[in-house]
């Protein structure tokens, strides 16, 4: 294959698209989805340090790479051979695509956080971008009439696992 993996597989959901799971609108998507087959070795969008990795009921297996553009969250993967604190470059296989968490089929999701806020990663991927302005605010509530979420806090410190992050930071992972 020529070019990076994210330019080789179809985009199935863009940042800002309605995020539907089982027909329930949760909130606009704060990530981009790619129709990757299970077991594909993935490389990061940009070089950086592995800031977190783990598993979550919604995200499935995930890895966060802290790069120059922000924190890159990759999720729904099968597994990851890297460790927290490890440096990865754009040629380092660091994540294997999968179908874990609240997933409707094999794919890979990418979310970019800048200053703790989700932004459209499309322009960093050479995919253009959405019409939504950057940076995006806090996610809209998922339940009508629910109070709005608290504004996001600063991203967690390097290497701290997500289960120890402040509740508002964990919420960004689950958006």
Protein backbone atom coordinates (compact mmCIF):
# COMPACT_ATOMS: atom_id res chain seq x y z
CA UNK A 1 0.00 0.00 0.00
CA UNK A 2 1.23 3.50 -0.77
CA UNK A 3 0.78 6.29 1.76
CA UNK A 4 -0.35 6.17 5.37
CA UNK A 5 -3.03 3.65 6.40
CA UNK A 6 -5.63 6.36 7.09
CA UNK A 7 -5.53 7.39 3.44
CA UNK A 8 -6.00 3.78 2.27
CA UNK A 9 -9.24 2.88 4.07
CA UNK A 10 -12.66 4.53 3.71
CA UNK A 11 -13.82 7.10 6.23
CA UNK A 12 -17.09 5.79 7.66
CA UNK A 13 -17.80 8.63 10.09
CA UNK A 14 -16.43 12.17 10.18
CA UNK A 15 -15.98 14.57 13.07
CA UNK A 16 -19.32 16.25 13.73
CA UNK A 17 -21.45 13.49 12.14
CA UNK A 18 -24.41 12.28 14.18
CA UNK A 19 -23.03 9.60 16.51
CA UNK A 20 -25.58 6.80 16.43
CA UNK A 21 -25.28 3.59 18.41
CA UNK A 22 -28.23 1.25 18.15
CA UNK A 23 -30.34 4.09 16.77
CA UNK A 24 -29.66 6.30 19.82
CA UNK A 25 -28.09 9.69 19.09
CA UNK A 26 -25.44 10.17 21.73
CA UNK A 27 -23.81 13.41 20.50
CA UNK A 28 -21.95 14.57 17.40
CA UNK A 29 -18.91 12.40 16.68
CA UNK A 30 -15.72 13.81 18.16
CA UNK A 31 -13.52 11.52 16.12
CA UNK A 32 -13.07 10.03 12.65
CA UNK A 33 -13.79 6.35 11.91
CA UNK A 34 -11.97 4.28 9.30
CA UNK A 35 -13.14 0.93 7.89
CA UNK A 36 -9.95 -0.93 8.76
CA UNK A 37 -9.96 -4.74 8.80
CA UNK A 38 -9.18 -6.50 12.07
CA UNK A 39 -5.49 -7.15 12.72
CA UNK A 40 -4.00 -4.32 10.64
CA UNK A 41 -0.76 -2.96 12.14
CA UNK A 42 -1.23 0.80 12.49
CA UNK A 43 1.31 3.62 12.76
CA UNK A 44 0.66 6.95 14.50
CA UNK A 45 -0.30 10.10 12.63
CA UNK A 46 2.67 11.89 14.19
CA UNK A 47 5.61 10.99 16.39
CA UNK A 48 5.18 11.28 20.13
CA UNK A 49 5.14 9.53 23.46
CA UNK A 50 2.60 6.92 24.54
CA UNK A 51 0.73 8.77 27.30
CA UNK A 52 -1.90 6.13 28.09
CA UNK A 53 -3.24 2.77 27.00
CA UNK A 54 -5.90 0.47 28.29
CA UNK A 55 -9.38 -0.87 27.74
CA UNK A 56 -12.78 0.76 28.22
CA UNK A 57 -16.33 -0.55 27.79
CA UNK A 58 -17.11 2.07 25.10
CA UNK A 59 -13.70 2.70 23.54
CA UNK A 60 -12.49 -0.87 23.63
CA UNK A 61 -8.71 -1.12 23.60
CA UNK A 62 -7.09 2.28 23.15
CA UNK A 63 -3.76 4.09 23.02
CA UNK A 64 -3.06 7.82 23.51
CA UNK A 65 0.02 9.26 21.77
CA UNK A 66 1.03 12.75 22.90
CA UNK A 67 2.43 14.49 19.81
CA UNK A 68 3.18 18.05 18.72
CA UNK A 69 -0.45 18.64 17.64
CA UNK A 70 -1.99 17.31 20.85
CA UNK A 71 -3.12 14.00 22.32
CA UNK A 72 -4.06 11.46 19.66
CA UNK A 73 -6.51 8.83 20.91
CA UNK A 74 -6.82 5.65 18.81
CA UNK A 75 -9.57 3.25 19.87
CA UNK A 76 -11.52 0.02 19.15
CA UNK A 77 -8.21 -1.77 18.57
CA UNK A 78 -7.32 -5.43 19.08
CA UNK A 79 -4.13 -4.81 21.07
CA UNK A 80 -1.00 -2.71 21.31
CA UNK A 81 2.66 -3.74 21.64
CA UNK A 82 3.79 -0.39 23.10
CA UNK A 83 4.19 0.68 26.73
CA UNK A 84 3.29 3.93 28.48
CA UNK A 85 6.22 6.34 28.18
CA UNK A 86 7.54 4.74 24.97
CA UNK A 87 8.47 7.05 22.10
CA UNK A 88 6.87 6.15 18.76
CA UNK A 89 7.58 7.58 15.33
CA UNK A 90 5.43 7.56 12.21
CA UNK A 91 6.92 4.23 11.13
CA UNK A 92 6.39 2.44 14.47
CA UNK A 93 3.54 -0.11 14.47
CA UNK A 94 1.91 0.75 17.79
CA UNK A 95 -1.70 -0.43 17.57
CA UNK A 96 -3.53 -3.28 15.87
CA UNK A 97 -6.99 -2.55 14.48
CA UNK A 98 -9.90 -4.45 15.90
CA UNK A 99 -13.55 -4.52 16.90
CA UNK A 100 -13.57 -3.89 20.67
CA UNK A 101 -15.78 -1.81 22.95
CA UNK A 102 -19.03 -0.26 21.69
CA UNK A 103 -18.23 -1.10 18.09
CA UNK A 104 -20.61 -1.98 15.27
CA UNK A 105 -17.90 -3.78 13.26
CA UNK A 106 -14.15 -3.76 12.59
CA UNK A 107 -12.84 -0.21 12.38
CA UNK A 108 -10.39 2.27 13.90
CA UNK A 109 -11.36 5.59 15.48
CA UNK A 110 -9.03 8.57 15.88
CA UNK A 111 -9.70 11.54 18.18
CA UNK A 112 -7.40 14.56 18.59
CA UNK A 113 -7.45 16.55 21.83
CA UNK A 114 -5.86 19.99 21.97
CA UNK A 115 -5.80 21.58 25.39
CA UNK A 116 -8.18 18.84 26.53
CA UNK A 117 -10.79 19.65 23.85
CA UNK A 118 -11.68 17.47 20.87
CA UNK A 119 -10.87 19.02 17.49
CA UNK A 120 -11.33 17.76 13.95
CA UNK A 121 -8.23 15.71 13.09
CA UNK A 122 -9.04 15.63 9.34
CA UNK A 123 -6.64 18.39 8.30
CA UNK A 124 -3.76 16.60 10.08
CA UNK A 125 -4.65 13.46 8.14
CA UNK A 126 -4.77 15.15 4.74
CA UNK A 127 -8.54 14.60 4.58
CA UNK A 128 -9.77 18.19 4.51
CA UNK A 129 -11.99 19.05 7.45
CA UNK A 130 -15.53 19.60 8.61
CA UNK A 131 -17.39 22.87 8.55
CA UNK A 132 -17.32 22.90 12.36
CA UNK A 133 -15.02 25.52 13.91
CA UNK A 134 -12.02 24.53 16.02
CA UNK A 135 -11.52 24.13 18.89
CA UNK A 136 -14.80 22.48 19.76
CA UNK A 137 -16.44 23.15 23.10
CA UNK A 138 -17.56 20.64 25.64
CA UNK A 139 -19.71 17.77 24.37
CA UNK A 140 -23.45 18.35 24.30
CA UNK A 141 -25.40 16.38 26.92
CA UNK A 142 -26.46 12.94 25.72
CA UNK A 143 -29.78 12.96 27.59
CA UNK A 144 -32.37 15.68 26.85
CA UNK A 145 -32.80 17.90 29.91
CA UNK A 146 -29.57 16.72 31.50
CA UNK A 147 -27.33 19.44 32.92
CA UNK A 148 -24.43 20.35 30.65
CA UNK A 149 -21.12 18.67 31.43
CA UNK A 150 -18.46 20.60 33.29
CA UNK A 151 -15.85 22.22 31.03
CA UNK A 152 -12.91 19.92 30.34
CA UNK A 153 -9.86 20.19 32.54
CA UNK A 154 -6.28 20.08 31.43
CA UNK A 155 -5.33 16.69 29.93
CA UNK A 156 -3.97 14.16 32.42
CA UNK A 157 -0.33 14.08 33.29
CA UNK A 158 1.98 11.91 31.23
CA UNK A 159 1.64 8.21 31.94
CA UNK A 160 -1.35 8.41 34.29
CA UNK A 161 -3.87 5.69 33.36
CA UNK A 162 -7.34 6.96 32.30
CA UNK A 163 -9.07 5.29 35.25
CA UNK A 164 -7.11 7.73 37.46
CA UNK A 165 -7.86 10.80 35.34
CA UNK A 166 -10.24 13.47 36.64
CA UNK A 167 -13.87 12.64 35.75
CA UNK A 168 -14.06 15.47 33.20
CA UNK A 169 -10.94 14.16 31.41
CA UNK A 170 -12.32 10.61 31.35
CA UNK A 171 -15.53 11.99 29.83
CA UNK A 172 -13.56 13.28 26.83
CA UNK A 173 -12.45 9.74 26.09
CA UNK A 174 -16.03 8.55 26.16
CA UNK A 175 -17.51 11.22 23.87
